[in-house]
Amino acid sequence: MLAELARLRALVSTGAARPIRLNAGLSLGEVAKSVGVTPATVLRWETRERVPHGAAAVAYGRLLASLVESQRGSKRDRVPTAS
C-alpha cells in the first residue's frame, strides 16, 4: 500500500493526474463518485492544492492506475493502417 501511495503522490505532484482523467474522458464528478469524495476534492488534488490521503488516496491511485493501463491497452490494440 505504501508503494501505491508513493506512485499516486508522484502522479499528483507532477500534475499527471488530470491529463490521465481527461484522456479517459471522465469528468471530475465521475472520478469523485468512484473514489467517494466531492468533485472539489478531486480538483484540489489535480491542481496540487491538496495531497490525497487515507482510503480515498488508495482508491484514487487505483483508479488512475487502471486508467493508465487501459489507455496503454487501447494503444496496443490499434492496428496500423496502410497509407
N, C-alpha and C. Protein backbone atom coordinates (compact mmCIF):
# COMPACT_ATOMS: atom_id res chain seq x y z
N MET A 1 0.83 -1.19 0.00
CA MET A 1 0.00 0.00 0.00
C MET A 1 0.87 1.25 0.00
N LEU A 2 2.00 1.23 0.66
CA LEU A 2 2.87 2.40 0.66
C LEU A 2 3.40 2.69 -0.74
N ALA A 3 3.68 1.64 -1.50
CA ALA A 3 4.15 1.84 -2.87
C ALA A 3 3.05 2.47 -3.72
N GLU A 4 1.81 2.04 -3.50
CA GLU A 4 0.68 2.64 -4.22
C GLU A 4 0.56 4.13 -3.91
N LEU A 5 0.67 4.47 -2.65
CA LEU A 5 0.57 5.88 -2.25
C LEU A 5 1.71 6.70 -2.82
N ALA A 6 2.91 6.13 -2.85
CA ALA A 6 4.05 6.84 -3.42
C ALA A 6 3.84 7.12 -4.90
N ARG A 7 3.32 6.12 -5.64
CA ARG A 7 3.06 6.32 -7.08
C ARG A 7 1.98 7.38 -7.29
N LEU A 8 0.94 7.33 -6.46
CA LEU A 8 -0.13 8.31 -6.56
C LEU A 8 0.40 9.71 -6.29
N ARG A 9 1.16 9.87 -5.24
CA ARG A 9 1.68 11.19 -4.91
C ARG A 9 2.59 11.72 -6.00
N ALA A 10 3.31 10.82 -6.67
CA ALA A 10 4.14 11.24 -7.80
C ALA A 10 3.26 11.74 -8.94
N LEU A 11 2.18 11.03 -9.23
CA LEU A 11 1.26 11.48 -10.29
C LEU A 11 0.64 12.83 -9.96
N VAL A 12 0.25 12.99 -8.71
CA VAL A 12 -0.39 14.24 -8.29
C VAL A 12 0.63 15.38 -8.28
N SER A 13 1.82 15.14 -7.73
CA SER A 13 2.80 16.22 -7.60
C SER A 13 3.34 16.69 -8.94
N THR A 14 3.33 15.83 -9.94
CA THR A 14 3.82 16.22 -11.27
C THR A 14 2.72 16.80 -12.15
N GLY A 15 1.49 16.73 -11.69
CA GLY A 15 0.38 17.24 -12.49
C GLY A 15 -0.10 16.24 -13.54
N ALA A 16 0.32 14.99 -13.44
CA ALA A 16 -0.05 13.98 -14.43
C ALA A 16 -1.46 13.42 -14.25
N ALA A 17 -2.05 13.59 -13.07
CA ALA A 17 -3.35 13.00 -12.79
C ALA A 17 -4.45 13.58 -13.69
N ARG A 18 -4.47 14.87 -13.88
CA ARG A 18 -5.53 15.49 -14.68
C ARG A 18 -5.51 15.02 -16.13
N PRO A 19 -4.35 15.02 -16.80
CA PRO A 19 -4.33 14.51 -18.17
C PRO A 19 -4.77 13.05 -18.28
N ILE A 20 -4.48 12.26 -17.28
CA ILE A 20 -4.92 10.86 -17.29
C ILE A 20 -6.44 10.82 -17.28
N ARG A 21 -7.05 11.60 -16.40
CA ARG A 21 -8.51 11.65 -16.31
C ARG A 21 -9.11 12.16 -17.62
N LEU A 22 -8.55 13.24 -18.14
CA LEU A 22 -9.10 13.83 -19.37
C LEU A 22 -8.96 12.88 -20.56
N ASN A 23 -7.82 12.19 -20.67
CA ASN A 23 -7.63 11.23 -21.76
C ASN A 23 -8.62 10.09 -21.68
N ALA A 24 -9.06 9.77 -20.47
CA ALA A 24 -10.05 8.70 -20.29
C ALA A 24 -11.47 9.21 -20.53
N GLY A 25 -11.62 10.53 -20.68
CA GLY A 25 -12.94 11.10 -20.93
C GLY A 25 -13.83 11.16 -19.71
N LEU A 26 -13.22 11.21 -18.53
CA LEU A 26 -14.00 11.25 -17.29
C LEU A 26 -14.10 12.66 -16.74
N SER A 27 -15.25 12.97 -16.18
CA SER A 27 -15.44 14.27 -15.54
C SER A 27 -14.94 14.21 -14.10
N LEU A 28 -14.80 15.38 -13.50
CA LEU A 28 -14.44 15.44 -12.08
C LEU A 28 -15.47 14.69 -11.25
N GLY A 29 -16.73 14.87 -11.59
CA GLY A 29 -17.82 14.22 -10.85
C GLY A 29 -17.76 12.71 -10.94
N GLU A 30 -17.44 12.18 -12.10
CA GLU A 30 -17.35 10.73 -12.27
C GLU A 30 -16.22 10.15 -11.42
N VAL A 31 -15.09 10.83 -11.45
CA VAL A 31 -13.95 10.36 -10.64
C VAL A 31 -14.29 10.48 -9.16
N ALA A 32 -14.86 11.60 -8.78
CA ALA A 32 -15.21 11.83 -7.37
C ALA A 32 -16.17 10.76 -6.86
N LYS A 33 -17.18 10.45 -7.65
CA LYS A 33 -18.16 9.43 -7.24
C LYS A 33 -17.48 8.08 -7.09
N SER A 34 -16.61 7.75 -8.00
CA SER A 34 -15.90 6.47 -7.97
C SER A 34 -15.00 6.35 -6.74
N VAL A 35 -14.41 7.46 -6.34
CA VAL A 35 -13.44 7.46 -5.24
C VAL A 35 -14.11 7.74 -3.88
N GLY A 36 -15.30 8.33 -3.90
CA GLY A 36 -16.00 8.60 -2.66
C GLY A 36 -15.69 9.95 -2.05
N VAL A 37 -15.39 10.93 -2.91
CA VAL A 37 -15.12 12.30 -2.44
C VAL A 37 -15.94 13.27 -3.30
N THR A 38 -15.80 14.54 -3.04
CA THR A 38 -16.51 15.54 -3.84
C THR A 38 -15.68 15.91 -5.07
N PRO A 39 -16.34 16.43 -6.11
CA PRO A 39 -15.59 16.91 -7.27
C PRO A 39 -14.58 18.00 -6.89
N ALA A 40 -14.92 18.83 -5.92
CA ALA A 40 -13.99 19.88 -5.48
C ALA A 40 -12.71 19.28 -4.91
N THR A 41 -12.83 18.15 -4.23
CA THR A 41 -11.65 17.48 -3.68
C THR A 41 -10.75 16.98 -4.79
N VAL A 42 -11.34 16.35 -5.80
CA VAL A 42 -10.54 15.87 -6.94
C VAL A 42 -9.86 17.05 -7.62
N LEU A 43 -10.57 18.14 -7.78
CA LEU A 43 -9.98 19.34 -8.39
C LEU A 43 -8.79 19.84 -7.57
N ARG A 44 -8.92 19.85 -6.26
CA ARG A 44 -7.81 20.28 -5.40
C ARG A 44 -6.61 19.35 -5.54
N TRP A 45 -6.89 18.05 -5.70
CA TRP A 45 -5.78 17.11 -5.92
C TRP A 45 -5.10 17.40 -7.25
N GLU A 46 -5.92 17.61 -8.28
CA GLU A 46 -5.36 17.84 -9.61
C GLU A 46 -4.60 19.15 -9.73
N THR A 47 -5.00 20.14 -8.97
CA THR A 47 -4.32 21.43 -9.01
C THR A 47 -3.23 21.53 -7.94
N ARG A 48 -2.99 20.46 -7.27
CA ARG A 48 -1.93 20.34 -6.26
C ARG A 48 -2.14 21.23 -5.04
N GLU A 49 -3.40 21.59 -4.78
CA GLU A 49 -3.71 22.34 -3.56
C GLU A 49 -3.73 21.40 -2.35
N ARG A 50 -4.09 20.16 -2.59
CA ARG A 50 -4.17 19.15 -1.53
C ARG A 50 -3.50 17.86 -2.00
N VAL A 51 -3.06 17.09 -1.03
CA VAL A 51 -2.47 15.78 -1.32
C VAL A 51 -3.46 14.72 -0.85
N PRO A 52 -3.80 13.77 -1.70
CA PRO A 52 -4.72 12.71 -1.28
C PRO A 52 -4.14 11.91 -0.12
N HIS A 53 -5.03 11.47 0.77
CA HIS A 53 -4.59 10.64 1.89
C HIS A 53 -5.69 9.66 2.27
N GLY A 54 -5.32 8.67 3.02
CA GLY A 54 -6.28 7.70 3.52
C GLY A 54 -6.87 6.80 2.44
N ALA A 55 -8.05 6.28 2.74
CA ALA A 55 -8.72 5.35 1.84
C ALA A 55 -9.02 5.98 0.49
N ALA A 56 -9.36 7.28 0.48
CA ALA A 56 -9.65 7.96 -0.78
C ALA A 56 -8.40 8.01 -1.65
N ALA A 57 -7.24 8.18 -1.04
CA ALA A 57 -5.99 8.21 -1.81
C ALA A 57 -5.73 6.87 -2.46
N VAL A 58 -5.97 5.80 -1.73
CA VAL A 58 -5.77 4.46 -2.29
C VAL A 58 -6.73 4.23 -3.45
N ALA A 59 -8.00 4.59 -3.26
CA ALA A 59 -8.99 4.41 -4.32
C ALA A 59 -8.64 5.25 -5.55
N TYR A 60 -8.21 6.48 -5.33
CA TYR A 60 -7.85 7.37 -6.43
C TYR A 60 -6.62 6.83 -7.17
N GLY A 61 -5.65 6.37 -6.43
CA GLY A 61 -4.45 5.80 -7.05
C GLY A 61 -4.77 4.58 -7.88
N ARG A 62 -5.64 3.73 -7.39
CA ARG A 62 -6.02 2.53 -8.14
C ARG A 62 -6.80 2.89 -9.39
N LEU A 63 -7.67 3.90 -9.27
CA LEU A 63 -8.41 4.35 -10.44
C LEU A 63 -7.47 4.89 -11.50
N LEU A 64 -6.54 5.76 -11.10
CA LEU A 64 -5.60 6.31 -12.07
C LEU A 64 -4.75 5.22 -12.70
N ALA A 65 -4.31 4.26 -11.90
CA ALA A 65 -3.51 3.15 -12.44
C ALA A 65 -4.30 2.36 -13.47
N SER A 66 -5.58 2.12 -13.19
CA SER A 66 -6.40 1.37 -14.14
C SER A 66 -6.64 2.17 -15.41
N LEU A 67 -6.77 3.49 -15.28
CA LEU A 67 -6.95 4.33 -16.47
C LEU A 67 -5.69 4.33 -17.33
N VAL A 68 -4.54 4.42 -16.68
CA VAL A 68 -3.26 4.38 -17.42
C VAL A 68 -3.14 3.05 -18.15
N GLU A 69 -3.45 1.97 -17.46
CA GLU A 69 -3.33 0.64 -18.06
C GLU A 69 -4.31 0.47 -19.22
N SER A 70 -5.52 0.96 -19.07
CA SER A 70 -6.49 0.82 -20.17
C SER A 70 -6.09 1.69 -21.35
N GLN A 71 -5.48 2.85 -21.09
CA GLN A 71 -5.02 3.70 -22.19
C GLN A 71 -3.86 3.03 -22.92
N ARG A 72 -2.99 2.37 -22.19
CA ARG A 72 -1.90 1.62 -22.82
C ARG A 72 -2.45 0.49 -23.66
N GLY A 73 -3.42 -0.22 -23.11
CA GLY A 73 -4.03 -1.34 -23.82
C GLY A 73 -4.71 -0.91 -25.10
N SER A 74 -5.38 0.25 -25.06
CA SER A 74 -6.08 0.71 -26.26
C SER A 74 -5.09 1.12 -27.34
N LYS A 75 -3.94 1.61 -26.95
CA LYS A 75 -2.91 1.97 -27.93
C LYS A 75 -2.32 0.72 -28.56
N ARG A 76 -2.16 -0.35 -27.77
CA ARG A 76 -1.62 -1.60 -28.30
C ARG A 76 -2.61 -2.27 -29.23
N ASP A 77 -3.91 -2.08 -28.97
CA ASP A 77 -4.94 -2.74 -29.76
C ASP A 77 -5.13 -2.11 -31.13
N ARG A 78 -4.63 -0.91 -31.32
CA ARG A 78 -4.79 -0.24 -32.61
C ARG A 78 -4.00 -0.96 -33.69
N VAL A 79 -4.62 -1.13 -34.81
CA VAL A 79 -3.96 -1.77 -35.93
C VAL A 79 -3.53 -0.67 -36.90
N PRO A 80 -2.24 -0.64 -37.22
CA PRO A 80 -1.80 0.40 -38.17
C PRO A 80 -2.48 0.22 -39.52
N THR A 81 -2.81 1.33 -40.13
CA THR A 81 -3.43 1.27 -41.45
C THR A 81 -2.42 1.64 -42.51
N ALA A 82 -2.54 1.04 -43.65
CA ALA A 82 -1.65 1.38 -44.76
C ALA A 82 -2.09 2.70 -45.36
N SER A 83 -1.11 3.56 -45.66
CA SER A 83 -1.47 4.83 -46.25
C SER A 83 -1.18 4.86 -47.72
